[in-house]
Amino acid sequence: MRSRSIILRLLAVAPLCALGACASNAASQAELGALQAELRALRDSQTRLTERLERLEAHAAVERVRGSGAKGASVVKEASVPTQETASLSSTPELAVVKLKPRYEPAPRLPTAVAVVEPDSEQMEMFISPVSEGAADSGGATMVSSPRDADPADAPDPDVLEAEFEKSVALLRTGNVEGGVQRLRRFSEENPRHPRADNALYFSGLGQMGLDEFKDAAKTFERLIATYPAGDAMLDGMLRLAECRMRLNQAADARALYTRVVTQFPGTAAATQAEQRLAALPQ
């Protein structure tokens, strides 16, 4: 019986011992974790202090370079932690070498040769005066006469002619189209060498188109193109002549005129208009 009571006591004490062992083990682990956390904090603090110390040393080295000049540069070179600022101070920039030509060197020669081109026979007509009927010298050569050969003093005042031209154009704008056409045609006939003579023919042809006289307008534009091939109104006259051809049911002639403008005068505003009108013509 006594042995049995001893066994029962041992069985009762065993769970208490196990609980005590578990409690002591948990306490040891908690203390170990706290120590490890404290150790990590100390290591982090040491790392931050080390980095701060290095920055202070680098800053001090830069200050020494700025204060002592060349002597400070040697100190920075021997420092254990070089910085980008000290490297830039010690480096020498590379300069490009530019070679200048002497001033006395002559300039390069430019090509000045111009090819000689014979003028077109049609363009020469505007510089040739009409031959007077029945006028010939004793050797059989024809005598050439020009307008107003009698006396240069009889030539009208250029300002008067300019005012007459502007007044004739104004008649077209104000509604007196017939009167404007007549005055412009007379102006071109009486002053064929005037700078406005080709413009007078052009505006008279426009007036005739406004009067629906497309046949007469076509003749006027034909005269403009033949008489003043180098005038500033010639290209517009070709376009207007092509319009007259279209109104007269002469589409083939109109197409030929537009094609001539495009091929002979490329890059001009008239050529652009001619291309557009060619595209609009019926095939």
C-alpha atoms as a PDB file:
ATOM      1  CA  MET A   1       0.000   0.000   0.000  1.00  0.00           C
ATOM      2  CA  ARG A   2       2.795   2.368   0.750  1.00  0.00           C
ATOM      3  CA  SER A   3       4.432   1.803  -2.604  1.00  0.00           C
ATOM      4  CA  ARG A   4       1.149   2.449  -4.280  1.00  0.00           C
ATOM      5  CA  SER A   5       0.779   5.829  -2.546  1.00  0.00           C
ATOM      6  CA  ILE A   6       4.309   6.795  -3.600  1.00  0.00           C
ATOM      7  CA  ILE A   7       3.494   6.002  -7.217  1.00  0.00           C
ATOM      8  CA  LEU A   8       0.361   8.110  -7.020  1.00  0.00           C
ATOM      9  CA  ARG A   9       2.330  11.044  -5.652  1.00  0.00           C
ATOM     10  CA  LEU A  10       4.888  10.790  -8.425  1.00  0.00           C
ATOM     11  CA  LEU A  11       2.129  10.772 -11.012  1.00  0.00           C
ATOM     12  CA  ALA A  12       0.646  13.907  -9.459  1.00  0.00           C
ATOM     13  CA  VAL A  13       3.984  15.770  -9.396  1.00  0.00           C
ATOM     14  CA  ALA A  14       4.973  14.884 -13.009  1.00  0.00           C
ATOM     15  CA  PRO A  15       2.507  17.284 -14.739  1.00  0.00           C
ATOM     16  CA  LEU A  16       3.626  20.097 -12.475  1.00  0.00           C
ATOM     17  CA  CYS A  17       7.255  19.528 -13.456  1.00  0.00           C
ATOM     18  CA  ALA A  18       6.351  19.499 -17.139  1.00  0.00           C
ATOM     19  CA  LEU A  19       4.481  22.798 -16.789  1.00  0.00           C
ATOM     20  CA  GLY A  20       7.408  24.363 -14.995  1.00  0.00           C
ATOM     21  CA  ALA A  21       9.812  23.231 -17.720  1.00  0.00           C
ATOM     22  CA  CYS A  22       7.583  24.675 -20.457  1.00  0.00           C
ATOM     23  CA  ALA A  23       7.241  27.975 -18.602  1.00  0.00           C
ATOM     24  CA  SER A  24      11.007  28.304 -18.170  1.00  0.00           C
ATOM     25  CA  ASN A  25      11.595  27.477 -21.853  1.00  0.00           C
ATOM     26  CA  ALA A  26       9.096  30.171 -23.033  1.00  0.00           C
ATOM     27  CA  ALA A  27      10.725  32.752 -20.774  1.00  0.00           C
ATOM     28  CA  SER A  28      14.148  31.913 -22.161  1.00  0.00           C
ATOM     29  CA  GLN A  29      12.939  32.316 -25.745  1.00  0.00           C
ATOM     30  CA  ALA A  30      11.326  35.675 -24.955  1.00  0.00           C
ATOM     31  CA  GLU A  31      14.548  36.931 -23.399  1.00  0.00           C
ATOM     32  CA  LEU A  32      16.548  35.651 -26.365  1.00  0.00           C
ATOM     33  CA  GLY A  33      14.269  37.508 -28.834  1.00  0.00           C
ATOM     34  CA  ALA A  34      14.558  40.721 -26.837  1.00  0.00           C
ATOM     35  CA  LEU A  35      18.349  40.444 -26.831  1.00  0.00           C
ATOM     36  CA  GLN A  36      18.444  39.820 -30.585  1.00  0.00           C
ATOM     37  CA  ALA A  37      16.224  42.872 -31.251  1.00  0.00           C
ATOM     38  CA  GLU A  38      18.434  45.036 -29.057  1.00  0.00           C
ATOM     39  CA  LEU A  39      21.512  43.744 -30.889  1.00  0.00           C
ATOM     40  CA  ARG A  40      20.004  44.624 -34.297  1.00  0.00           C
ATOM     41  CA  ALA A  41      19.139  48.119 -33.059  1.00  0.00           C
ATOM     42  CA  LEU A  42      22.715  48.599 -31.860  1.00  0.00           C
ATOM     43  CA  ARG A  43      24.075  47.456 -35.234  1.00  0.00           C
ATOM     44  CA  ASP A  44      21.784  49.849 -37.137  1.00  0.00           C
ATOM     45  CA  SER A  45      22.802  52.697 -34.877  1.00  0.00           C
ATOM     46  CA  GLN A  46      26.480  51.880 -35.422  1.00  0.00           C
ATOM     47  CA  THR A  47      25.971  51.810 -39.205  1.00  0.00           C
ATOM     48  CA  ARG A  48      24.283  55.222 -39.180  1.00  0.00           C
ATOM     49  CA  LEU A  49      27.030  56.660 -37.006  1.00  0.00           C
ATOM     50  CA  THR A  50      29.674  55.266 -39.377  1.00  0.00           C
ATOM     51  CA  GLU A  51      27.982  56.777 -42.446  1.00  0.00           C
ATOM     52  CA  ARG A  52      27.600  60.131 -40.716  1.00  0.00           C
ATOM     53  CA  LEU A  53      31.263  60.070 -39.736  1.00  0.00           C
ATOM     54  CA  GLU A  54      32.274  59.374 -43.358  1.00  0.00           C
ATOM     55  CA  ARG A  55      30.143  62.292 -44.630  1.00  0.00           C
ATOM     56  CA  LEU A  56      31.675  64.609 -42.034  1.00  0.00           C
ATOM     57  CA  GLU A  57      35.171  63.541 -43.061  1.00  0.00           C
ATOM     58  CA  ALA A  58      34.406  64.113 -46.755  1.00  0.00           C
ATOM     59  CA  HIS A  59      32.896  67.542 -46.001  1.00  0.00           C
ATOM     60  CA  ALA A  60      35.949  68.469 -43.967  1.00  0.00           C
ATOM     61  CA  ALA A  61      38.222  67.385 -46.829  1.00  0.00           C
ATOM     62  CA  VAL A  62      36.340  69.619 -49.284  1.00  0.00           C
ATOM     63  CA  GLU A  63      36.577  72.576 -46.912  1.00  0.00           C
ATOM     64  CA  ARG A  64      40.312  72.045 -46.613  1.00  0.00           C
ATOM     65  CA  VAL A  65      40.651  72.036 -50.437  1.00  0.00           C
ATOM     66  CA  ARG A  66      38.754  75.289 -50.754  1.00  0.00           C
ATOM     67  CA  GLY A  67      40.759  76.964 -48.017  1.00  0.00           C
ATOM     68  CA  SER A  68      44.308  75.865 -48.818  1.00  0.00           C
ATOM     69  CA  GLY A  69      44.341  75.740 -52.650  1.00  0.00           C
ATOM     70  CA  ALA A  70      46.968  73.435 -54.104  1.00  0.00           C
ATOM     71  CA  LYS A  71      47.928  72.059 -50.713  1.00  0.00           C
ATOM     72  CA  GLY A  72      44.339  71.146 -50.000  1.00  0.00           C
ATOM     73  CA  ALA A  73      44.093  69.401 -53.384  1.00  0.00           C
ATOM     74  CA  SER A  74      46.891  67.008 -52.378  1.00  0.00           C
ATOM     75  CA  VAL A  75      45.130  66.324 -49.080  1.00  0.00           C
ATOM     76  CA  VAL A  76      41.893  65.448 -50.837  1.00  0.00           C
ATOM     77  CA  LYS A  77      43.773  63.167 -53.195  1.00  0.00           C
ATOM     78  CA  GLU A  78      45.088  61.195 -50.176  1.00  0.00           C
ATOM     79  CA  ALA A  79      41.668  60.998 -48.495  1.00  0.00           C
ATOM     80  CA  SER A  80      40.131  57.531 -48.174  1.00  0.00           C
ATOM     81  CA  VAL A  81      36.627  58.561 -49.387  1.00  0.00           C
ATOM     82  CA  PRO A  82      36.829  60.745 -52.576  1.00  0.00           C
ATOM     83  CA  THR A  83      33.724  62.672 -53.682  1.00  0.00           C
ATOM     84  CA  GLN A  84      32.375  63.792 -57.045  1.00  0.00           C
ATOM     85  CA  GLU A  85      32.907  67.474 -56.192  1.00  0.00           C
ATOM     86  CA  THR A  86      36.616  67.025 -55.398  1.00  0.00           C
ATOM     87  CA  ALA A  87      37.108  65.001 -58.601  1.00  0.00           C
ATOM     88  CA  SER A  88      35.587  67.794 -60.668  1.00  0.00           C
ATOM     89  CA  LEU A  89      37.842  70.381 -58.964  1.00  0.00           C
ATOM     90  CA  SER A  90      41.019  68.429 -59.652  1.00  0.00           C
ATOM     91  CA  SER A  91      40.215  67.591 -63.293  1.00  0.00           C
ATOM     92  CA  THR A  92      41.297  69.885 -66.162  1.00  0.00           C
ATOM     93  CA  PRO A  93      38.751  70.456 -68.993  1.00  0.00           C
ATOM     94  CA  GLU A  94      39.816  69.624 -72.525  1.00  0.00           C
ATOM     95  CA  LEU A  95      39.574  72.543 -74.977  1.00  0.00           C
ATOM     96  CA  ALA A  96      39.028  72.106 -78.708  1.00  0.00           C
ATOM     97  CA  VAL A  97      41.694  73.572 -80.983  1.00  0.00           C
ATOM     98  CA  VAL A  98      40.294  75.771 -83.767  1.00  0.00           C
ATOM     99  CA  LYS A  99      42.527  76.749 -86.664  1.00  0.00           C
ATOM    100  CA  LEU A 100      41.692  80.112 -88.208  1.00  0.00           C
ATOM    101  CA  LYS A 101      42.442  80.879 -91.818  1.00  0.00           C
ATOM    102  CA  PRO A 102      44.626  83.942 -92.502  1.00  0.00           C
ATOM    103  CA  ARG A 103      42.780  87.082 -93.506  1.00  0.00           C
ATOM    104  CA  TYR A 104      44.820  87.579 -96.636  1.00  0.00           C
ATOM    105  CA  GLU A 105      43.525  84.342 -98.195  1.00  0.00           C
ATOM    106  CA  PRO A 106      41.433  85.272-101.255  1.00  0.00           C
ATOM    107  CA  ALA A 107      37.754  84.332-101.430  1.00  0.00           C
ATOM    108  CA  PRO A 108      36.790  81.409-103.681  1.00  0.00           C
ATOM    109  CA  ARG A 109      35.914  82.358-107.227  1.00  0.00           C
ATOM    110  CA  LEU A 110      32.298  82.112-108.237  1.00  0.00           C
ATOM    111  CA  PRO A 111      31.210  81.011-111.699  1.00  0.00           C
ATOM    112  CA  THR A 112      30.194  84.074-113.669  1.00  0.00           C
ATOM    113  CA  ALA A 113      29.923  82.615-117.150  1.00  0.00           C
ATOM    114  CA  VAL A 114      26.454  82.917-118.662  1.00  0.00           C
ATOM    115  CA  ALA A 115      25.351  80.817-121.582  1.00  0.00           C
ATOM    116  CA  VAL A 116      24.275  82.828-124.600  1.00  0.00           C
ATOM    117  CA  VAL A 117      20.812  81.857-125.826  1.00  0.00           C
ATOM    118  CA  GLU A 118      19.378  83.105-129.067  1.00  0.00           C
ATOM    119  CA  PRO A 119      16.009  84.851-128.532  1.00  0.00           C
ATOM    120  CA  ASP A 120      12.857  83.315-129.898  1.00  0.00           C
ATOM    121  CA  SER A 121      11.638  84.756-133.170  1.00  0.00           C
ATOM    122  CA  GLU A 122       8.233  85.448-131.636  1.00  0.00           C
ATOM    123  CA  GLN A 123       9.812  87.426-128.818  1.00  0.00           C
ATOM    124  CA  MET A 124      11.845  89.492-131.295  1.00  0.00           C
ATOM    125  CA  GLU A 125       8.694  90.766-132.953  1.00  0.00           C
ATOM    126  CA  MET A 126       7.991  93.162-130.086  1.00  0.00           C
ATOM    127  CA  PHE A 127      11.362  94.893-130.715  1.00  0.00           C
ATOM    128  CA  ILE A 128      11.006  95.183-134.482  1.00  0.00           C
ATOM    129  CA  SER A 129       9.095  98.176-135.785  1.00  0.00           C
ATOM    130  CA  PRO A 130       6.642  97.621-138.635  1.00  0.00           C
ATOM    131  CA  VAL A 131       7.903  98.266-142.153  1.00  0.00           C
ATOM    132  CA  SER A 132       6.239 101.200-143.809  1.00  0.00           C
ATOM    133  CA  GLU A 133       4.420 100.326-147.009  1.00  0.00           C
ATOM    134  CA  GLY A 134       6.331 101.145-150.186  1.00  0.00           C
ATOM    135  CA  ALA A 135       9.281 102.610-148.297  1.00  0.00           C
ATOM    136  CA  ALA A 136      12.600 101.390-149.749  1.00  0.00           C
ATOM    137  CA  ASP A 137      15.926 102.949-150.420  1.00  0.00           C
ATOM    138  CA  SER A 138      17.663 103.104-153.772  1.00  0.00           C
ATOM    139  CA  GLY A 139      19.478  99.813-153.120  1.00  0.00           C
ATOM    140  CA  GLY A 140      16.230  97.924-152.627  1.00  0.00           C
ATOM    141  CA  ALA A 141      16.530  97.640-148.818  1.00  0.00           C
ATOM    142  CA  THR A 142      13.349  98.245-146.908  1.00  0.00           C
ATOM    143  CA  MET A 143      13.168 101.277-144.646  1.00  0.00           C
ATOM    144  CA  VAL A 144      12.017 100.580-141.085  1.00  0.00           C
ATOM    145  CA  SER A 145       9.965 103.215-139.341  1.00  0.00           C
ATOM    146  CA  SER A 146       8.941 103.305-135.698  1.00  0.00           C
ATOM    147  CA  PRO A 147       6.010 105.093-134.079  1.00  0.00           C
ATOM    148  CA  ARG A 148       6.468 108.761-133.297  1.00  0.00           C
ATOM    149  CA  ASP A 149       9.679 109.075-135.360  1.00  0.00           C
ATOM    150  CA  ALA A 150       8.774 112.579-136.368  1.00  0.00           C
ATOM    151  CA  ASP A 151       9.682 114.407-133.169  1.00  0.00           C
ATOM    152  CA  PRO A 152      10.345 113.037-129.671  1.00  0.00           C
ATOM    153  CA  ALA A 153       8.910 116.249-128.271  1.00  0.00           C
ATOM    154  CA  ASP A 154       5.496 115.227-129.629  1.00  0.00           C
ATOM    155  CA  ALA A 155       5.421 112.124-127.369  1.00  0.00           C
ATOM    156  CA  PRO A 156       2.643 112.366-124.775  1.00  0.00           C
ATOM    157  CA  ASP A 157       3.417 112.827-121.102  1.00  0.00           C
ATOM    158  CA  PRO A 158       3.850 109.454-119.330  1.00  0.00           C
ATOM    159  CA  ASP A 159       1.747 110.677-116.415  1.00  0.00           C
ATOM    160  CA  VAL A 160      -1.060 111.581-118.802  1.00  0.00           C
ATOM    161  CA  LEU A 161      -0.933 108.144-120.426  1.00  0.00           C
ATOM    162  CA  GLU A 162      -0.966 106.446-117.019  1.00  0.00           C
ATOM    163  CA  ALA A 163      -4.008 108.448-115.975  1.00  0.00           C
ATOM    164  CA  GLU A 164      -5.748 107.591-119.251  1.00  0.00           C
ATOM    165  CA  PHE A 165      -5.122 103.874-118.701  1.00  0.00           C
ATOM    166  CA  GLU A 166      -6.442 103.959-115.122  1.00  0.00           C
ATOM    167  CA  LYS A 167      -9.541 105.859-116.256  1.00  0.00           C
ATOM    168  CA  SER A 168     -10.237 103.312-118.989  1.00  0.00           C
ATOM    169  CA  VAL A 169      -9.967 100.422-116.508  1.00  0.00           C
ATOM    170  CA  ALA A 170     -12.243 102.307-114.117  1.00  0.00           C
ATOM    171  CA  LEU A 171     -14.933 102.388-116.825  1.00  0.00           C
ATOM    172  CA  LEU A 172     -14.988  98.584-116.813  1.00  0.00           C
ATOM    173  CA  ARG A 173     -15.432  98.524-113.052  1.00  0.00           C
ATOM    174  CA  THR A 174     -18.196 101.139-112.978  1.00  0.00           C
ATOM    175  CA  GLY A 175     -20.367  99.410-115.590  1.00  0.00           C
ATOM    176  CA  ASN A 176     -19.455 101.234-118.828  1.00  0.00           C
ATOM    177  CA  VAL A 177     -17.890  98.095-120.278  1.00  0.00           C
ATOM    178  CA  GLU A 178     -18.240  99.071-123.949  1.00  0.00           C
ATOM    179  CA  GLY A 179     -16.656 102.464-123.376  1.00  0.00           C
ATOM    180  CA  GLY A 180     -13.834 100.920-121.372  1.00  0.00           C
ATOM    181  CA  VAL A 181     -13.124  98.341-124.101  1.00  0.00           C
ATOM    182  CA  GLN A 182     -12.955 101.000-126.800  1.00  0.00           C
ATOM    183  CA  ARG A 183     -10.649 103.252-124.815  1.00  0.00           C
ATOM    184  CA  LEU A 184      -8.326 100.388-123.886  1.00  0.00           C
ATOM    185  CA  ARG A 185      -8.074  99.150-127.476  1.00  0.00           C
ATOM    186  CA  ARG A 186      -7.312 102.688-128.643  1.00  0.00           C
ATOM    187  CA  PHE A 187      -4.710 103.054-125.911  1.00  0.00           C
ATOM    188  CA  SER A 188      -2.876  99.895-127.012  1.00  0.00           C
ATOM    189  CA  GLU A 189      -3.007 100.893-130.688  1.00  0.00           C
ATOM    190  CA  GLU A 190      -1.726 104.420-130.123  1.00  0.00           C
ATOM    191  CA  ASN A 191       0.920 103.477-127.565  1.00  0.00           C
ATOM    192  CA  PRO A 192       2.240 100.026-128.528  1.00  0.00           C
ATOM    193  CA  ARG A 193       5.561 100.559-126.663  1.00  0.00           C
ATOM    194  CA  HIS A 194       4.003 101.764-123.440  1.00  0.00           C
ATOM    195  CA  PRO A 195       4.518  99.429-120.427  1.00  0.00           C
ATOM    196  CA  ARG A 196       0.734  99.263-120.043  1.00  0.00           C
ATOM    197  CA  ALA A 197      -0.009  98.359-123.648  1.00  0.00           C
ATOM    198  CA  ASP A 198      -0.210  94.607-122.989  1.00  0.00           C
ATOM    199  CA  ASN A 199      -2.366  95.212-119.909  1.00  0.00           C
ATOM    200  CA  ALA A 200      -4.690  97.388-121.997  1.00  0.00           C
ATOM    201  CA  LEU A 201      -5.202  94.513-124.432  1.00  0.00           C
ATOM    202  CA  TYR A 202      -5.770  92.072-121.559  1.00  0.00           C
ATOM    203  CA  PHE A 203      -8.420  94.206-119.848  1.00  0.00           C
ATOM    204  CA  SER A 204     -10.137  94.959-123.143  1.00  0.00           C
ATOM    205  CA  GLY A 205     -10.383  91.194-123.744  1.00  0.00           C
ATOM    206  CA  LEU A 206     -11.895  90.747-120.279  1.00  0.00           C
ATOM    207  CA  GLY A 207     -14.456  93.410-121.100  1.00  0.00           C
ATOM    208  CA  GLN A 208     -15.384  91.610-124.303  1.00  0.00           C
ATOM    209  CA  MET A 209     -15.859  88.389-122.358  1.00  0.00           C
ATOM    210  CA  GLY A 210     -18.151  90.290-120.013  1.00  0.00           C
ATOM    211  CA  LEU A 211     -20.176  91.355-123.050  1.00  0.00           C
ATOM    212  CA  ASP A 212     -20.324  87.686-124.206  1.00  0.00           C
ATOM    213  CA  GLU A 213     -18.254  88.593-127.290  1.00  0.00           C
ATOM    214  CA  PHE A 214     -16.045  85.538-126.952  1.00  0.00           C
ATOM    215  CA  LYS A 215     -14.961  85.471-130.586  1.00  0.00           C
ATOM    216  CA  ASP A 216     -13.697  89.059-130.458  1.00  0.00           C
ATOM    217  CA  ALA A 217     -12.162  88.432-127.043  1.00  0.00           C
ATOM    218  CA  ALA A 218     -10.264  85.426-128.430  1.00  0.00           C
ATOM    219  CA  LYS A 219      -8.808  87.631-131.179  1.00  0.00           C
ATOM    220  CA  THR A 220      -7.766  90.222-128.604  1.00  0.00           C
ATOM    221  CA  PHE A 221      -5.962  87.621-126.479  1.00  0.00           C
ATOM    222  CA  GLU A 222      -4.303  86.145-129.577  1.00  0.00           C
ATOM    223  CA  ARG A 223      -2.987  89.606-130.418  1.00  0.00           C
ATOM    224  CA  LEU A 224      -1.738  90.018-126.841  1.00  0.00           C
ATOM    225  CA  ILE A 225       0.173  86.707-126.917  1.00  0.00           C
ATOM    226  CA  ALA A 226       1.693  87.377-130.343  1.00  0.00           C
ATOM    227  CA  THR A 227       2.637  91.016-129.726  1.00  0.00           C
ATOM    228  CA  TYR A 228       3.837  90.867-126.128  1.00  0.00           C
ATOM    229  CA  PRO A 229       5.199  87.342-125.462  1.00  0.00           C
ATOM    230  CA  ALA A 230       7.405  88.661-122.648  1.00  0.00           C
ATOM    231  CA  GLY A 231       4.745  90.852-121.046  1.00  0.00           C
ATOM    232  CA  ASP A 232       3.409  90.250-117.565  1.00  0.00           C
ATOM    233  CA  ALA A 233      -0.114  89.747-118.934  1.00  0.00           C
ATOM    234  CA  MET A 234       0.803  87.035-121.442  1.00  0.00           C
ATOM    235  CA  LEU A 235       0.223  83.977-119.200  1.00  0.00           C
ATOM    236  CA  ASP A 236      -3.128  85.266-117.959  1.00  0.00           C
ATOM    237  CA  GLY A 237      -4.003  86.027-121.555  1.00  0.00           C
ATOM    238  CA  MET A 238      -3.342  82.382-122.498  1.00  0.00           C
ATOM    239  CA  LEU A 239      -5.647  81.180-119.732  1.00  0.00           C
ATOM    240  CA  ARG A 240      -8.387  83.589-120.845  1.00  0.00           C
ATOM    241  CA  LEU A 241      -7.937  82.541-124.455  1.00  0.00           C
ATOM    242  CA  ALA A 242      -8.451  78.919-123.418  1.00  0.00           C
ATOM    243  CA  GLU A 243     -11.690  79.965-121.661  1.00  0.00           C
ATOM    244  CA  CYS A 244     -12.876  81.620-124.838  1.00  0.00           C
ATOM    245  CA  ARG A 245     -12.077  78.435-126.762  1.00  0.00           C
ATOM    246  CA  MET A 246     -14.227  76.474-124.330  1.00  0.00           C
ATOM    247  CA  ARG A 247     -17.115  78.953-124.771  1.00  0.00           C
ATOM    248  CA  LEU A 248     -16.764  78.587-128.534  1.00  0.00           C
ATOM    249  CA  ASN A 249     -16.932  74.744-128.258  1.00  0.00           C
ATOM    250  CA  GLN A 250     -13.264  74.367-129.157  1.00  0.00           C
ATOM    251  CA  ALA A 251     -12.225  72.039-126.361  1.00  0.00           C
ATOM    252  CA  ALA A 252      -9.233  70.621-128.234  1.00  0.00           C
ATOM    253  CA  ASP A 253      -7.723  74.100-128.691  1.00  0.00           C
ATOM    254  CA  ALA A 254      -8.361  74.891-125.032  1.00  0.00           C
ATOM    255  CA  ARG A 255      -6.617  71.675-123.955  1.00  0.00           C
ATOM    256  CA  ALA A 256      -3.631  72.541-126.165  1.00  0.00           C
ATOM    257  CA  LEU A 257      -3.359  75.991-124.604  1.00  0.00           C
ATOM    258  CA  TYR A 258      -3.509  74.645-121.045  1.00  0.00           C
ATOM    259  CA  THR A 259      -0.903  72.011-121.894  1.00  0.00           C
ATOM    260  CA  ARG A 260       1.384  74.676-123.356  1.00  0.00           C
ATOM    261  CA  VAL A 261       1.180  76.734-120.168  1.00  0.00           C
ATOM    262  CA  VAL A 262       1.996  73.704-118.017  1.00  0.00           C
ATOM    263  CA  THR A 263       4.943  72.520-120.122  1.00  0.00           C
ATOM    264  CA  GLN A 264       6.515  75.877-121.026  1.00  0.00           C
ATOM    265  CA  PHE A 265       5.979  77.720-117.747  1.00  0.00           C
ATOM    266  CA  PRO A 266       6.207  75.139-114.924  1.00  0.00           C
ATOM    267  CA  GLY A 267       6.097  76.343-111.354  1.00  0.00           C
ATOM    268  CA  THR A 268       4.071  79.477-112.098  1.00  0.00           C
ATOM    269  CA  ALA A 269       0.636  80.298-110.737  1.00  0.00           C
ATOM    270  CA  ALA A 270      -0.730  80.115-114.283  1.00  0.00           C
ATOM    271  CA  ALA A 271       0.651  76.582-114.660  1.00  0.00           C
ATOM    272  CA  THR A 272      -1.111  75.536-111.461  1.00  0.00           C
ATOM    273  CA  GLN A 273      -4.422  76.918-112.732  1.00  0.00           C
ATOM    274  CA  ALA A 274      -3.883  75.253-116.093  1.00  0.00           C
ATOM    275  CA  GLU A 275      -3.309  71.868-114.425  1.00  0.00           C
ATOM    276  CA  GLN A 276      -6.534  72.225-112.448  1.00  0.00           C
ATOM    277  CA  ARG A 277      -8.538  73.169-115.522  1.00  0.00           C
ATOM    278  CA  LEU A 278      -7.004  70.352-117.549  1.00  0.00           C
ATOM    279  CA  ALA A 279      -8.172  67.909-114.903  1.00  0.00           C
ATOM    280  CA  ALA A 280     -11.689  69.349-115.113  1.00  0.00           C
ATOM    281  CA  LEU A 281     -11.935  69.086-118.890  1.00  0.00           C
ATOM    282  CA  PRO A 282     -14.069  66.234-120.235  1.00  0.00           C
ATOM    283  CA  GLN A 283     -12.080  63.334-121.618  1.00  0.00           C
END
